[in-house]
Amino acid sequence: MEELRVIAGGLFEWCIPGNVAAGENYQIVDVTEQPNPGLPEQDFWLFDEAVVVHLNYRPDGTQINRELIQDPHIETYLAWRDLALESAVPFSAHRT
């Protein structure tokens, strides 16, 4: 499994080391001190290059809900995924 996080201003990493130890490929795009490469602010999951779920949050960072997007413009989400992966570093490299 691969997971990618775009962060600004610090990483809430309480679960990431355990996920990495379990074999998850965790990638980080840190836009704290560099420009956002063109990624959306909306957090989303992309499954099987076809299913999109938005994760919606309150201003304090707590999750409100998860929203299955009906008929997403999948090419846009695939492009965002590819852009994020091009800009990402492994979690282990980000921590150093």
C-alpha atoms as a PDB file:
ATOM      1  CA  MET A   1       0.000   0.000   0.000  1.00  0.00           C
ATOM      2  CA  GLU A   2       1.188   3.497  -0.765  1.00  0.00           C
ATOM      3  CA  GLU A   3       0.118   6.615   1.067  1.00  0.00           C
ATOM      4  CA  LEU A   4       1.090  10.180   0.371  1.00  0.00           C
ATOM      5  CA  ARG A   5       0.627  13.232   2.611  1.00  0.00           C
ATOM      6  CA  VAL A   6       0.849  16.871   1.604  1.00  0.00           C
ATOM      7  CA  ILE A   7       1.659  18.893   4.707  1.00  0.00           C
ATOM      8  CA  ALA A   8       2.140  22.531   5.650  1.00  0.00           C
ATOM      9  CA  GLY A   9       3.430  23.619   9.018  1.00  0.00           C
ATOM     10  CA  GLY A  10       4.292  20.259  10.535  1.00  0.00           C
ATOM     11  CA  LEU A  11       3.354  16.616  10.358  1.00  0.00           C
ATOM     12  CA  PHE A  12       1.013  14.849  12.725  1.00  0.00           C
ATOM     13  CA  GLU A  13       2.942  11.601  12.655  1.00  0.00           C
ATOM     14  CA  TRP A  14       1.672   9.492  15.560  1.00  0.00           C
ATOM     15  CA  CYS A  15       0.663   6.559  13.349  1.00  0.00           C
ATOM     16  CA  ILE A  16       3.136   6.813  10.466  1.00  0.00           C
ATOM     17  CA  PRO A  17       6.169   5.003  11.989  1.00  0.00           C
ATOM     18  CA  GLY A  18       4.013   1.954  12.750  1.00  0.00           C
ATOM     19  CA  ASN A  19       2.549   1.978   9.257  1.00  0.00           C
ATOM     20  CA  VAL A  20       6.037   2.195   7.725  1.00  0.00           C
ATOM     21  CA  ALA A  21       7.268  -0.641   9.956  1.00  0.00           C
ATOM     22  CA  ALA A  22       4.333  -2.730   8.708  1.00  0.00           C
ATOM     23  CA  GLY A  23       5.497  -2.213   5.126  1.00  0.00           C
ATOM     24  CA  GLU A  24       3.463   0.781   3.980  1.00  0.00           C
ATOM     25  CA  ASN A  25       5.229   3.089   1.525  1.00  0.00           C
ATOM     26  CA  TYR A  26       4.596   6.500   3.092  1.00  0.00           C
ATOM     27  CA  GLN A  27       5.540   9.564   1.006  1.00  0.00           C
ATOM     28  CA  ILE A  28       5.551  13.216   2.143  1.00  0.00           C
ATOM     29  CA  VAL A  29       5.185  16.475   0.202  1.00  0.00           C
ATOM     30  CA  ASP A  30       6.086  19.277   2.626  1.00  0.00           C
ATOM     31  CA  VAL A  31       4.910  22.683   1.398  1.00  0.00           C
ATOM     32  CA  THR A  32       5.834  24.447   4.658  1.00  0.00           C
ATOM     33  CA  GLU A  33       8.866  26.216   3.183  1.00  0.00           C
ATOM     34  CA  GLN A  34       8.426  25.577  -0.538  1.00  0.00           C
ATOM     35  CA  PRO A  35       5.662  26.443  -2.994  1.00  0.00           C
ATOM     36  CA  ASN A  36       2.792  24.033  -3.449  1.00  0.00           C
ATOM     37  CA  PRO A  37       3.491  22.338  -6.801  1.00  0.00           C
ATOM     38  CA  GLY A  38      -0.165  22.687  -7.814  1.00  0.00           C
ATOM     39  CA  LEU A  39      -1.897  20.211  -5.523  1.00  0.00           C
ATOM     40  CA  PRO A  40      -5.415  20.782  -4.190  1.00  0.00           C
ATOM     41  CA  GLU A  41      -6.125  21.616  -0.566  1.00  0.00           C
ATOM     42  CA  GLN A  42      -8.888  18.989  -0.528  1.00  0.00           C
ATOM     43  CA  ASP A  43      -7.678  15.763   1.088  1.00  0.00           C
ATOM     44  CA  PHE A  44      -8.742  12.706  -0.889  1.00  0.00           C
ATOM     45  CA  TRP A  45      -8.252   9.002  -1.310  1.00  0.00           C
ATOM     46  CA  LEU A  46      -7.894   7.457  -4.761  1.00  0.00           C
ATOM     47  CA  PHE A  47      -8.705   3.754  -5.091  1.00  0.00           C
ATOM     48  CA  ASP A  48      -7.898   1.612  -8.125  1.00  0.00           C
ATOM     49  CA  GLU A  49      -7.453   4.742 -10.279  1.00  0.00           C
ATOM     50  CA  ALA A  50     -11.251   5.003 -10.444  1.00  0.00           C
ATOM     51  CA  VAL A  51     -12.847   5.722  -7.046  1.00  0.00           C
ATOM     52  CA  VAL A  52     -12.404   9.062  -5.240  1.00  0.00           C
ATOM     53  CA  VAL A  53     -13.298   9.766  -1.627  1.00  0.00           C
ATOM     54  CA  HIS A  54     -12.938  13.254  -0.141  1.00  0.00           C
ATOM     55  CA  LEU A  55     -11.940  13.542   3.503  1.00  0.00           C
ATOM     56  CA  ASN A  56     -13.580  16.604   5.018  1.00  0.00           C
ATOM     57  CA  TYR A  57     -12.198  18.339   8.118  1.00  0.00           C
ATOM     58  CA  ARG A  58     -13.132  21.041  10.592  1.00  0.00           C
ATOM     59  CA  PRO A  59     -10.777  24.031  11.002  1.00  0.00           C
ATOM     60  CA  ASP A  60      -9.231  22.326  14.068  1.00  0.00           C
ATOM     61  CA  GLY A  61      -8.229  19.320  11.952  1.00  0.00           C
ATOM     62  CA  THR A  62     -10.782  16.823  13.215  1.00  0.00           C
ATOM     63  CA  GLN A  63     -12.492  14.839  10.519  1.00  0.00           C
ATOM     64  CA  ILE A  64     -16.130  15.601   9.719  1.00  0.00           C
ATOM     65  CA  ASN A  65     -16.777  12.805   7.237  1.00  0.00           C
ATOM     66  CA  ARG A  66     -15.697  10.911   4.147  1.00  0.00           C
ATOM     67  CA  GLU A  67     -17.562  11.625   0.949  1.00  0.00           C
ATOM     68  CA  LEU A  68     -17.706   9.266  -2.038  1.00  0.00           C
ATOM     69  CA  ILE A  69     -17.480  11.441  -5.147  1.00  0.00           C
ATOM     70  CA  GLN A  70     -19.940  10.424  -7.830  1.00  0.00           C
ATOM     71  CA  ASP A  71     -18.554  10.592 -11.378  1.00  0.00           C
ATOM     72  CA  PRO A  72     -15.249  12.282 -10.522  1.00  0.00           C
ATOM     73  CA  HIS A  73     -13.138  13.793 -13.284  1.00  0.00           C
ATOM     74  CA  ILE A  74     -10.684  10.957 -12.742  1.00  0.00           C
ATOM     75  CA  GLU A  75      -8.003  12.406 -15.028  1.00  0.00           C
ATOM     76  CA  THR A  76      -7.663  15.376 -12.678  1.00  0.00           C
ATOM     77  CA  TYR A  77      -7.188  13.148  -9.633  1.00  0.00           C
ATOM     78  CA  LEU A  78      -4.680  10.962 -11.480  1.00  0.00           C
ATOM     79  CA  ALA A  79      -2.728  14.070 -12.496  1.00  0.00           C
ATOM     80  CA  TRP A  80      -2.705  15.306  -8.876  1.00  0.00           C
ATOM     81  CA  ARG A  81      -1.518  11.897  -7.708  1.00  0.00           C
ATOM     82  CA  ASP A  82       1.299  11.867 -10.262  1.00  0.00           C
ATOM     83  CA  LEU A  83       2.334  15.432  -9.405  1.00  0.00           C
ATOM     84  CA  ALA A  84       2.375  14.606  -5.708  1.00  0.00           C
ATOM     85  CA  LEU A  85       4.475  11.496  -6.249  1.00  0.00           C
ATOM     86  CA  GLU A  86       6.966  13.480  -8.345  1.00  0.00           C
ATOM     87  CA  SER A  87       7.325  15.998  -5.494  1.00  0.00           C
ATOM     88  CA  ALA A  88       7.361  13.519  -2.602  1.00  0.00           C
ATOM     89  CA  VAL A  89      10.124  12.128  -0.424  1.00  0.00           C
ATOM     90  CA  PRO A  90       9.942   8.942   1.663  1.00  0.00           C
ATOM     91  CA  PHE A  91       8.828   9.457   5.258  1.00  0.00           C
ATOM     92  CA  SER A  92      12.234   8.260   6.509  1.00  0.00           C
ATOM     93  CA  ALA A  93      13.995  10.979   4.477  1.00  0.00           C
ATOM     94  CA  HIS A  94      11.551  13.637   5.656  1.00  0.00           C
ATOM     95  CA  ARG A  95      12.221  12.871   9.328  1.00  0.00           C
ATOM     96  CA  THR A  96      15.958  13.506   9.041  1.00  0.00           C
END
